Amino acid sequence: MHTELAGFRTRLAHRVLHRTGPHGLICAPATSRVLETALLLFLLNAENLAPAHADIARYYLKDALDNNPPDRLQCTFARAALGEPVPGDAVQRALASFTHFSSPRKLLSFTVLLAELTGAPLPPGPPADVFDTRYEQVWVRYQMLALKTIVTPHTATPAELARLAPALAPGPPWQANNLARLLGLLALRKVPAHRPAVRRALEQLADEQLPGGGLPFITGLDIFATALAGIALTRTHPGNPRLTGMADALAHHRNPDGGFGFTAGVTQSDTDDTAYAIEFLRTTAHRHTDTLAAAERHLLALRNPDGGFPTFVHGAPSEIAMTAGAVNALAPNPAHRAVIEDAVAFLLENDTVIERSWSRNSTNAVFRTTLAYAALPADAPTVMRQDARTAHAQGLRHLLDTQQADGGWGHTPDDPTDPISTAYAVIALSRATEHVPELVRALHYLRIRQQPDGGYLSRPDQAGPRPLLYDAPALADICVLLALTAPRDTKTR
């Protein structure tokens, strides 16, 4: 098994290493998505602009509905943009199974947008606290202002309209976020004085359609991908000059607050990207000591009183995978021992349901929490260590119970298997010496799913806004390589 594993791991590592762009970051562009393409088509039709661009957007949506339909919510928006009838309760039905602290906001947001596309009456005035975004990331604050302007354009102040102005700027979208830009344009076109600028911005945006006619949610995940790939490649290519360049590029894109966003140009730092960046940069600490220290300080500033970590802003609800990721990033530094114990205590109290969040895979939160439990100091309180061992075993048991006949995992136990979901499970199982047979089956699954070019095709797992999936195909290669390089017991090699 060792020789076989080494062979396909080497091919994959070579492929990932050569994804680095001229500036050192891994190139991980996002592909087109139905939601953003539907909003673009609606705007082009409403403004009677760029008919050729509208035609290819229309073709993209029809092809997606016929051959690769996404989730129910996005299908609803595609049909609405194509002029097909949609039921009035389509948003409520599409989000019925999505239970999350952001659910009320998502329900309002998509209800308003669908009403805009269909010409249906807007919902009754929402409670004012729905637009309270003190504990949200910058693009949510922007999007909620845009929605408020769509609902009540007559109340928009000059200062609020000025805050929506990034939608009108030429070039790459603000915060690399096409959805925010589209919502800004939908809002500003409600104000007659801004219509000419909206029309100019739409013509520029139409020129950014990808081949096939679609528009992506975000431009890409270059920083996220670089951090993940760097962690894996330090195990296969230690000392490689490209790795040095990747680390230098990552450090260059550190935000002023010390954290990291998901791609170049994103000033909103988050726990996920910062934690993975710390893990990679720790392998080159002699080069980036200051960056590493600043990133750790940023994570510590995000920590909530409950010991957990939110995704973006201190005071927002703590999340399982984010907290586990922070533990895994901070645990190697003995100075953070108390923080680690508090965070593990949060996990032990809240890790009762398998979280599906920014990753829609149940295996993602499992691999991150099992690593976090294993990172607890050996001299932590006895009861906490016992509880952590129990929780660790329960996480592995979930994986064993949901492994499918072909050796892989899907997003949920009822979904078809895919390489990314399986890769996350492999990371969790890699150090479980008592579960070698299951690990060997999973590695066999990954071996036979490798493409002739050495890479992988997978159902995407990234979500935004949650729970809507979007795809950055480079992540399939990177996540599998992360799994294949995960430290493991020699018996599994």
Protein backbone atom coordinates (compact mmCIF):
# COMPACT_ATOMS: atom_id res chain seq x y z
CA MET A 1 0.00 0.00 0.00
CA HIS A 2 2.88 2.36 0.79
CA THR A 3 4.34 2.30 -2.76
CA GLU A 4 0.93 2.63 -4.36
CA LEU A 5 -0.01 5.54 -2.10
CA ALA A 6 3.30 7.30 -2.67
CA GLY A 7 2.86 7.09 -6.43
CA PHE A 8 -0.50 8.77 -6.73
CA ARG A 9 0.32 11.23 -3.97
CA THR A 10 3.45 12.33 -5.86
CA ARG A 11 1.49 12.93 -9.07
CA LEU A 12 -1.08 14.97 -7.20
CA ALA A 13 1.51 16.99 -5.27
CA HIS A 14 3.27 17.88 -8.51
CA ARG A 15 -0.02 19.08 -9.96
CA VAL A 16 -0.86 21.21 -6.91
CA LEU A 17 2.63 22.69 -6.73
CA HIS A 18 2.31 23.87 -10.31
CA ARG A 19 -0.95 25.68 -9.60
CA THR A 20 1.05 28.55 -8.13
CA GLY A 21 0.65 31.76 -10.08
CA PRO A 22 3.29 34.38 -10.92
CA HIS A 23 2.71 36.17 -7.59
CA GLY A 24 3.12 33.05 -5.46
CA LEU A 25 -0.50 32.32 -4.58
CA ILE A 26 -2.28 29.16 -5.68
CA CYS A 27 -4.73 29.99 -8.47
CA ALA A 28 -8.17 28.85 -7.33
CA PRO A 29 -10.79 30.71 -9.39
CA ALA A 30 -14.48 30.09 -8.76
CA THR A 31 -16.74 28.85 -11.53
CA SER A 32 -20.07 30.30 -12.59
CA ARG A 33 -23.09 29.95 -10.36
CA VAL A 34 -26.79 30.04 -11.13
CA LEU A 35 -27.87 32.63 -8.53
CA GLU A 36 -25.53 35.40 -9.67
CA THR A 37 -26.16 34.63 -13.34
CA ALA A 38 -29.92 34.86 -12.76
CA LEU A 39 -29.55 38.27 -11.09
CA LEU A 40 -27.34 39.48 -13.95
CA LEU A 41 -29.86 38.31 -16.55
CA PHE A 42 -32.69 40.06 -14.72
CA LEU A 43 -30.75 43.33 -14.58
CA LEU A 44 -29.74 43.20 -18.23
CA ASN A 45 -33.34 42.53 -19.26
CA ALA A 46 -34.75 45.19 -16.93
CA GLU A 47 -32.37 47.80 -18.30
CA ASN A 48 -32.61 46.52 -21.91
CA LEU A 49 -28.84 46.25 -22.13
CA ALA A 50 -26.28 43.98 -23.82
CA PRO A 51 -28.70 41.58 -25.52
CA ALA A 52 -25.92 39.26 -26.66
CA HIS A 53 -24.66 38.94 -23.10
CA ALA A 54 -28.21 38.36 -21.89
CA ASP A 55 -28.60 35.58 -24.44
CA ILE A 56 -25.56 33.66 -23.24
CA ALA A 57 -26.63 34.13 -19.61
CA ARG A 58 -30.03 32.74 -20.59
CA TYR A 59 -28.36 29.78 -22.29
CA TYR A 60 -26.24 29.11 -19.19
CA LEU A 61 -29.32 29.06 -16.95
CA LYS A 62 -31.32 26.80 -19.25
CA ASP A 63 -28.42 24.39 -19.56
CA ALA A 64 -27.96 24.32 -15.79
CA LEU A 65 -31.64 23.59 -15.19
CA ASP A 66 -31.68 20.85 -17.81
CA ASN A 67 -28.36 19.14 -17.15
CA ASN A 68 -26.91 20.11 -13.79
CA PRO A 69 -29.58 21.66 -11.56
CA PRO A 70 -28.28 23.15 -8.32
CA ASP A 71 -30.26 23.46 -5.07
CA ARG A 72 -33.95 24.29 -5.09
CA LEU A 73 -33.44 27.95 -4.20
CA GLN A 74 -31.09 28.65 -7.10
CA CYS A 75 -33.36 26.77 -9.50
CA THR A 76 -36.19 29.06 -8.39
CA PHE A 77 -34.14 32.16 -9.22
CA ALA A 78 -33.11 30.74 -12.58
CA ARG A 79 -36.74 30.10 -13.53
CA ALA A 80 -37.76 33.56 -12.33
CA ALA A 81 -35.01 35.21 -14.42
CA LEU A 82 -36.11 33.16 -17.43
CA GLY A 83 -39.66 34.44 -17.00
CA GLU A 84 -41.12 31.17 -15.83
CA PRO A 85 -43.75 31.14 -13.06
CA VAL A 86 -42.56 30.33 -9.55
CA PRO A 87 -44.73 29.71 -6.47
CA GLY A 88 -45.04 32.49 -3.95
CA ASP A 89 -43.69 30.36 -1.12
CA ALA A 90 -40.70 29.11 -3.11
CA VAL A 91 -38.10 30.66 -0.81
CA GLN A 92 -39.71 29.33 2.36
CA ARG A 93 -39.88 25.84 0.88
CA ALA A 94 -36.31 25.96 -0.41
CA LEU A 95 -34.91 27.01 2.98
CA ALA A 96 -37.23 24.89 5.14
CA SER A 97 -34.49 22.45 6.14
CA PHE A 98 -31.85 25.13 6.74
CA THR A 99 -31.67 25.75 10.48
CA HIS A 100 -28.99 28.25 11.38
CA PHE A 101 -28.61 31.47 13.32
CA SER A 102 -28.63 33.32 9.99
CA SER A 103 -31.87 31.70 8.77
CA PRO A 104 -34.20 34.71 9.38
CA ARG A 105 -31.86 37.00 7.50
CA LYS A 106 -31.52 34.56 4.60
CA LEU A 107 -35.28 34.09 4.41
CA LEU A 108 -35.86 37.84 4.24
CA SER A 109 -33.02 38.43 1.77
CA PHE A 110 -34.08 35.85 -0.77
CA THR A 111 -37.78 36.70 -0.40
CA VAL A 112 -37.02 40.32 -1.26
CA LEU A 113 -34.81 39.33 -4.19
CA LEU A 114 -37.36 36.91 -5.62
CA ALA A 115 -40.08 39.53 -5.35
CA GLU A 116 -37.82 41.90 -7.27
CA LEU A 117 -37.31 39.35 -10.05
CA THR A 118 -40.96 38.34 -10.33
CA GLY A 119 -42.66 41.66 -9.70
CA ALA A 120 -44.55 40.19 -6.75
CA PRO A 121 -45.44 42.47 -3.85
CA LEU A 122 -42.64 42.95 -1.42
CA PRO A 123 -43.10 41.36 2.00
CA PRO A 124 -44.46 43.54 4.82
CA GLY A 125 -41.91 45.82 6.41
CA PRO A 126 -39.46 43.58 8.30
CA PRO A 127 -38.60 44.27 11.91
CA ALA A 128 -35.83 46.80 12.25
CA ASP A 129 -33.52 44.36 14.03
CA VAL A 130 -33.28 42.23 10.88
CA PHE A 131 -31.12 44.98 9.41
CA ASP A 132 -28.94 45.14 12.53
CA THR A 133 -25.57 43.92 11.26
CA ARG A 134 -23.22 44.99 14.03
CA TYR A 135 -21.87 41.45 14.35
CA GLU A 136 -21.65 40.65 10.66
CA GLN A 137 -18.94 40.72 8.01
CA VAL A 138 -18.60 43.74 5.75
CA TRP A 139 -20.41 42.28 2.77
CA VAL A 140 -23.41 41.24 4.85
CA ARG A 141 -23.64 44.80 6.16
CA TYR A 142 -23.46 45.98 2.56
CA GLN A 143 -26.03 43.48 1.30
CA MET A 144 -28.52 44.26 4.06
CA LEU A 145 -28.22 47.96 3.30
CA ALA A 146 -28.89 47.14 -0.36
CA LEU A 147 -31.97 45.08 0.55
CA LYS A 148 -33.24 47.86 2.81
CA THR A 149 -32.85 50.28 -0.10
CA ILE A 150 -34.71 47.93 -2.44
CA VAL A 151 -37.60 47.68 0.02
CA THR A 152 -37.75 51.38 0.94
CA PRO A 153 -35.70 53.39 -1.58
CA HIS A 154 -37.34 56.65 -0.50
CA THR A 155 -35.72 56.35 2.94
CA ALA A 156 -32.16 55.94 1.63
CA THR A 157 -29.93 58.79 2.79
CA PRO A 158 -27.07 60.22 0.70
CA ALA A 159 -24.64 58.58 3.13
CA GLU A 160 -26.29 55.17 2.66
CA LEU A 161 -26.27 55.52 -1.11
CA ALA A 162 -22.60 56.44 -0.94
CA ARG A 163 -21.95 53.22 0.96
CA LEU A 164 -23.45 51.31 -1.98
CA ALA A 165 -21.14 53.00 -4.47
CA PRO A 166 -18.64 50.10 -4.68
CA ALA A 167 -21.15 48.34 -6.95
CA LEU A 168 -20.50 51.04 -9.56
CA ALA A 169 -16.71 50.79 -9.55
CA PRO A 170 -15.03 49.27 -12.62
CA GLY A 171 -12.69 46.33 -12.34
CA PRO A 172 -12.81 43.38 -9.95
CA PRO A 173 -15.77 43.35 -7.58
CA TRP A 174 -15.46 44.88 -4.13
CA GLN A 175 -14.37 42.20 -1.63
CA ALA A 176 -14.17 39.82 -4.64
CA ASN A 177 -17.94 39.39 -4.21
CA ASN A 178 -20.21 39.46 -7.25
CA LEU A 179 -23.35 38.80 -5.22
CA ALA A 180 -22.78 41.95 -3.18
CA ARG A 181 -22.12 43.93 -6.36
CA LEU A 182 -25.36 42.69 -7.95
CA LEU A 183 -27.39 43.58 -4.86
CA GLY A 184 -25.84 47.02 -4.87
CA LEU A 185 -26.88 47.54 -8.49
CA LEU A 186 -30.40 46.29 -7.78
CA ALA A 187 -30.66 48.85 -4.98
CA LEU A 188 -29.10 51.81 -6.76
CA ARG A 189 -31.30 51.43 -9.84
CA LYS A 190 -34.24 52.26 -7.55
CA VAL A 191 -32.84 55.79 -7.26
CA PRO A 192 -33.31 57.68 -10.57
CA ALA A 193 -30.19 59.78 -10.17
CA HIS A 194 -28.07 56.61 -10.10
CA ARG A 195 -29.63 54.82 -13.08
CA PRO A 196 -27.05 56.03 -15.66
CA ALA A 197 -24.17 54.85 -13.47
CA VAL A 198 -25.92 51.53 -12.88
CA ARG A 199 -26.30 51.02 -16.63
CA ARG A 200 -22.61 51.71 -17.22
CA ALA A 201 -21.63 49.32 -14.44
CA LEU A 202 -23.90 46.61 -15.85
CA GLU A 203 -22.30 46.84 -19.29
CA GLN A 204 -18.89 46.41 -17.66
CA LEU A 205 -20.13 43.52 -15.54
CA ALA A 206 -21.55 41.75 -18.57
CA ASP A 207 -18.06 41.75 -20.08
CA GLU A 208 -16.90 39.70 -17.08
CA GLN A 209 -19.13 36.72 -17.81
CA LEU A 210 -17.14 33.51 -17.88
CA PRO A 211 -17.08 31.23 -20.93
CA GLY A 212 -20.50 29.65 -21.11
CA GLY A 213 -22.31 32.79 -20.01
CA GLY A 214 -22.28 32.49 -16.24
CA LEU A 215 -21.04 34.67 -13.41
CA PRO A 216 -19.35 33.36 -10.26
CA PHE A 217 -20.35 34.12 -6.67
CA ILE A 218 -16.81 35.24 -5.77
CA THR A 219 -13.74 35.57 -7.94
CA GLY A 220 -11.83 32.80 -6.20
CA LEU A 221 -10.22 31.36 -3.08
CA ASP A 222 -6.54 31.98 -3.73
CA ILE A 223 -5.48 32.68 -0.13
CA PHE A 224 -7.55 29.84 1.32
CA ALA A 225 -6.16 27.46 -1.31
CA THR A 226 -2.58 28.64 -0.78
CA ALA A 227 -2.74 28.06 2.97
CA LEU A 228 -4.26 24.58 2.58
CA ALA A 229 -1.88 23.58 -0.19
CA GLY A 230 1.08 24.93 1.74
CA ILE A 231 0.27 22.72 4.73
CA ALA A 232 0.22 19.65 2.46
CA LEU A 233 3.20 20.55 0.30
CA THR A 234 5.50 21.13 3.28
CA ARG A 235 5.11 17.39 3.85
CA THR A 236 5.90 16.38 0.26
CA HIS A 237 8.30 19.11 -0.89
CA PRO A 238 10.06 20.52 2.20
CA GLY A 239 12.48 23.24 1.24
CA ASN A 240 11.09 23.69 -2.26
CA PRO A 241 11.59 27.29 -3.43
CA ARG A 242 7.98 27.48 -4.58
CA LEU A 243 6.85 26.88 -1.03
CA THR A 244 8.96 29.79 0.13
CA GLY A 245 7.31 31.92 -2.52
CA MET A 246 3.86 30.75 -1.43
CA ALA A 247 4.58 31.65 2.19
CA ASP A 248 5.96 35.05 1.20
CA ALA A 249 2.90 35.74 -0.96
CA LEU A 250 0.56 34.72 1.83
CA ALA A 251 2.34 36.98 4.31
CA HIS A 252 2.16 39.83 1.82
CA HIS A 253 -1.63 39.57 1.80
CA ARG A 254 -2.04 39.79 5.56
CA ASN A 255 -4.73 42.33 6.40
CA PRO A 256 -4.00 45.34 8.65
CA ASP A 257 -5.85 43.62 11.51
CA GLY A 258 -3.39 40.72 11.33
CA GLY A 259 -5.83 38.24 9.83
CA PHE A 260 -6.44 36.87 6.36
CA GLY A 261 -9.35 36.94 3.93
CA PHE A 262 -10.22 34.25 1.42
CA THR A 263 -8.49 35.80 -1.59
CA ALA A 264 -6.38 38.77 -2.62
CA GLY A 265 -8.15 42.10 -2.19
CA VAL A 266 -10.51 40.89 0.55
CA THR A 267 -10.06 43.07 3.61
CA GLN A 268 -12.52 41.14 5.79
CA SER A 269 -10.43 38.69 7.81
CA ASP A 270 -11.94 35.47 9.09
CA THR A 271 -11.14 32.66 11.48
CA ASP A 272 -11.00 29.96 8.81
CA ASP A 273 -8.42 31.54 6.51
CA THR A 274 -6.40 32.95 9.39
CA ALA A 275 -6.21 29.58 11.14
CA TYR A 276 -5.04 27.73 8.03
CA ALA A 277 -2.57 30.53 7.23
CA ILE A 278 -1.10 30.17 10.71
CA GLU A 279 -0.69 26.43 10.25
CA PHE A 280 1.21 26.93 7.01
CA LEU A 281 3.29 29.91 8.13
CA ARG A 282 4.29 28.10 11.31
CA THR A 283 6.38 25.80 9.10
CA THR A 284 8.35 28.87 7.99
CA ALA A 285 8.27 30.81 11.26
CA HIS A 286 11.87 31.94 10.86
CA ARG A 287 10.78 33.98 7.81
CA HIS A 288 7.42 35.27 9.03
CA THR A 289 7.59 35.59 12.80
CA ASP A 290 5.84 38.96 12.87
CA THR A 291 3.07 37.84 10.51
CA LEU A 292 2.51 34.70 12.55
CA ALA A 293 2.28 36.64 15.81
CA ALA A 294 -0.13 39.18 14.30
CA ALA A 295 -2.35 36.41 12.94
CA GLU A 296 -2.46 34.74 16.35
CA ARG A 297 -3.41 38.04 17.96
CA HIS A 298 -6.21 38.43 15.43
CA LEU A 299 -7.63 35.00 16.29
CA LEU A 300 -7.44 35.76 19.99
CA ALA A 301 -9.32 39.02 19.45
CA LEU A 302 -12.16 37.12 17.77
CA ARG A 303 -12.64 34.72 20.69
CA ASN A 304 -16.02 34.98 22.41
CA PRO A 305 -16.69 34.82 26.18
CA ASP A 306 -18.03 31.26 25.74
CA GLY A 307 -14.53 30.14 24.66
CA GLY A 308 -15.61 29.56 21.07
CA PHE A 309 -14.72 31.39 17.89
CA PRO A 310 -17.08 32.97 15.33
CA THR A 311 -16.23 33.19 11.65
CA PHE A 312 -15.83 36.92 11.14
CA VAL A 313 -16.62 39.23 14.04
CA HIS A 314 -16.25 39.02 17.81
CA GLY A 315 -19.73 38.79 19.31
CA ALA A 316 -21.25 36.77 16.47
CA PRO A 317 -22.25 33.21 17.44
CA SER A 318 -19.37 30.82 18.01
CA GLU A 319 -19.16 27.93 15.58
CA ILE A 320 -17.88 24.37 15.89
CA ALA A 321 -15.59 24.13 12.87
CA MET A 322 -14.23 27.64 13.38
CA THR A 323 -13.43 26.94 17.02
CA ALA A 324 -11.75 23.65 16.16
CA GLY A 325 -9.74 25.35 13.43
CA ALA A 326 -8.58 28.00 15.88
CA VAL A 327 -7.52 25.31 18.34
CA ASN A 328 -5.51 23.50 15.68
CA ALA A 329 -3.76 26.74 14.71
CA LEU A 330 -3.02 27.99 18.23
CA ALA A 331 -2.27 24.74 20.09
CA PRO A 332 1.43 24.49 19.10
CA ASN A 333 2.10 27.74 20.98
CA PRO A 334 2.25 26.95 24.73
CA ALA A 335 1.29 30.53 25.53
CA HIS A 336 -2.26 29.77 24.42
CA ARG A 337 -2.87 26.85 26.74
CA ALA A 338 -5.76 28.49 28.61
CA VAL A 339 -7.38 29.55 25.33
CA ILE A 340 -7.13 25.98 24.03
CA GLU A 341 -8.75 24.52 27.14
CA ASP A 342 -11.60 27.04 27.00
CA ALA A 343 -12.14 26.34 23.31
CA VAL A 344 -12.15 22.58 23.84
CA ALA A 345 -14.65 23.07 26.66
CA PHE A 346 -16.86 24.94 24.19
CA LEU A 347 -16.55 22.08 21.71
CA LEU A 348 -17.38 19.47 24.32
CA GLU A 349 -20.50 21.37 25.33
CA ASN A 350 -21.72 22.12 21.81
CA ASP A 351 -20.39 19.38 19.53
CA THR A 352 -23.56 17.29 19.81
CA VAL A 353 -24.81 17.70 16.24
CA ILE A 354 -22.56 17.33 13.21
CA GLU A 355 -22.17 20.88 11.93
CA ARG A 356 -22.60 21.61 8.22
CA SER A 357 -21.72 25.23 7.71
CA TRP A 358 -19.20 26.91 5.39
CA SER A 359 -18.42 23.37 4.34
CA ARG A 360 -21.58 21.42 3.57
CA ASN A 361 -19.77 18.18 4.36
CA SER A 362 -20.50 16.54 7.68
CA THR A 363 -16.95 15.14 7.50
CA ASN A 364 -15.37 18.61 7.62
CA ALA A 365 -16.39 19.47 11.16
CA VAL A 366 -15.56 15.92 12.26
CA PHE A 367 -11.99 16.04 11.04
CA ARG A 368 -11.38 19.45 12.57
CA THR A 369 -12.87 18.58 15.95
CA THR A 370 -11.06 15.24 16.20
CA LEU A 371 -7.77 17.06 15.61
CA ALA A 372 -8.73 19.70 18.16
CA TYR A 373 -9.51 17.11 20.82
CA ALA A 374 -6.17 15.43 20.14
CA ALA A 375 -4.42 18.82 20.55
CA LEU A 376 -5.52 19.15 24.18
CA PRO A 377 -2.42 19.29 26.41
CA ALA A 378 -1.55 16.02 28.09
CA ASP A 379 -1.70 17.65 31.52
CA ALA A 380 -5.09 19.30 30.98
CA PRO A 381 -7.71 18.58 33.68
CA THR A 382 -8.39 14.86 33.89
CA VAL A 383 -12.14 15.14 33.35
CA MET A 384 -11.64 17.32 30.27
CA ARG A 385 -9.15 14.85 28.80
CA GLN A 386 -11.54 11.98 29.41
CA ASP A 387 -14.42 13.89 27.81
CA ALA A 388 -12.22 14.83 24.86
CA ARG A 389 -11.27 11.18 24.31
CA THR A 390 -14.95 10.24 24.39
CA ALA A 391 -15.88 12.98 21.93
CA HIS A 392 -12.97 12.04 19.69
CA ALA A 393 -14.15 8.43 19.63
CA GLN A 394 -17.72 9.54 18.89
CA GLY A 395 -16.52 11.57 15.91
CA LEU A 396 -14.66 8.58 14.52
CA ARG A 397 -17.68 6.37 15.16
CA HIS A 398 -19.80 8.74 13.09
CA LEU A 399 -17.35 8.32 10.22
CA LEU A 400 -17.30 4.53 10.53
CA ASP A 401 -21.09 4.41 10.60
CA THR A 402 -21.42 6.58 7.50
CA GLN A 403 -18.64 5.15 5.32
CA GLN A 404 -20.25 3.86 2.15
CA ALA A 405 -19.72 0.58 0.35
CA ASP A 406 -17.16 2.05 -2.07
CA GLY A 407 -15.04 3.30 0.84
CA GLY A 408 -15.97 6.97 0.48
CA TRP A 409 -18.24 9.56 2.06
CA GLY A 410 -20.70 12.13 0.70
CA HIS A 411 -21.89 15.44 2.08
CA THR A 412 -24.35 13.46 4.19
CA PRO A 413 -24.82 9.71 4.62
CA ASP A 414 -27.59 9.84 2.00
CA ASP A 415 -25.49 11.58 -0.66
CA PRO A 416 -23.24 9.94 -3.29
CA THR A 417 -19.59 9.76 -2.32
CA ASP A 418 -17.10 12.38 -3.53
CA PRO A 419 -13.35 12.96 -3.12
CA ILE A 420 -13.52 16.10 -0.94
CA SER A 421 -15.91 14.57 1.60
CA THR A 422 -13.76 11.45 1.66
CA ALA A 423 -10.54 13.44 2.04
CA TYR A 424 -11.82 15.11 5.19
CA ALA A 425 -12.72 11.72 6.67
CA VAL A 426 -9.27 10.34 5.81
CA ILE A 427 -7.62 13.14 7.78
CA ALA A 428 -9.67 12.24 10.85
CA LEU A 429 -8.95 8.52 10.51
CA SER A 430 -5.26 8.84 9.71
CA ARG A 431 -4.07 8.62 13.32
CA ALA A 432 -6.70 6.13 14.45
CA THR A 433 -4.60 2.99 14.59
CA GLU A 434 -7.64 0.94 15.58
CA HIS A 435 -9.40 1.78 12.31
CA VAL A 436 -6.76 0.86 9.73
CA PRO A 437 -9.08 -1.26 7.53
CA GLU A 438 -11.53 1.61 7.12
CA LEU A 439 -8.70 4.00 6.32
CA VAL A 440 -7.26 1.63 3.73
CA ARG A 441 -10.68 1.40 2.04
CA ALA A 442 -10.93 5.19 1.95
CA LEU A 443 -7.44 5.55 0.48
CA HIS A 444 -8.33 2.97 -2.16
CA TYR A 445 -11.39 5.04 -3.03
CA LEU A 446 -9.22 8.13 -3.51
CA ARG A 447 -6.72 6.19 -5.60
CA ILE A 448 -9.29 4.92 -8.08
CA ARG A 449 -10.96 8.34 -8.34
CA GLN A 450 -7.75 10.02 -9.48
CA GLN A 451 -8.06 11.39 -13.02
CA PRO A 452 -5.56 10.57 -15.80
CA ASP A 453 -4.00 14.04 -15.36
CA GLY A 454 -3.33 13.30 -11.68
CA GLY A 455 -6.10 15.54 -10.36
CA TYR A 456 -9.58 15.12 -8.95
CA LEU A 457 -13.14 16.05 -9.79
CA SER A 458 -15.49 16.44 -6.86
CA ARG A 459 -18.82 17.78 -5.83
CA PRO A 460 -17.97 21.18 -4.27
CA ASP A 461 -18.31 21.62 -0.51
CA GLN A 462 -17.88 25.36 0.02
CA ALA A 463 -21.02 27.38 0.80
CA GLY A 464 -21.77 31.09 0.67
CA PRO A 465 -24.14 32.51 1.54
CA ARG A 466 -24.82 29.42 3.59
CA PRO A 467 -26.22 26.94 2.50
CA LEU A 468 -25.65 27.67 -1.24
CA LEU A 469 -22.76 25.75 -2.76
CA TYR A 470 -20.16 27.29 -5.04
CA ASP A 471 -17.20 25.68 -6.73
CA ALA A 472 -13.48 26.43 -6.88
CA PRO A 473 -12.30 23.26 -8.67
CA ALA A 474 -8.70 23.55 -7.43
CA LEU A 475 -9.90 22.62 -3.95
CA ALA A 476 -10.59 19.02 -5.02
CA ASP A 477 -6.88 18.45 -5.68
CA ILE A 478 -5.79 20.37 -2.60
CA CYS A 479 -8.15 18.70 -0.13
CA VAL A 480 -7.21 15.23 -1.35
CA LEU A 481 -3.51 16.07 -1.11
CA LEU A 482 -4.08 17.32 2.44
CA ALA A 483 -5.59 13.93 3.23
CA LEU A 484 -2.86 11.92 1.53
CA THR A 485 -0.18 13.80 3.46
CA ALA A 486 -1.92 13.71 6.85
CA PRO A 487 0.36 12.19 9.52
CA ARG A 488 -0.63 8.57 9.98
CA ASP A 489 0.39 5.37 11.68
CA THR A 490 2.97 3.39 9.72
CA LYS A 491 0.61 0.41 9.51
CA THR A 492 -1.56 2.28 7.03
CA ARG A 493 1.24 3.07 4.59
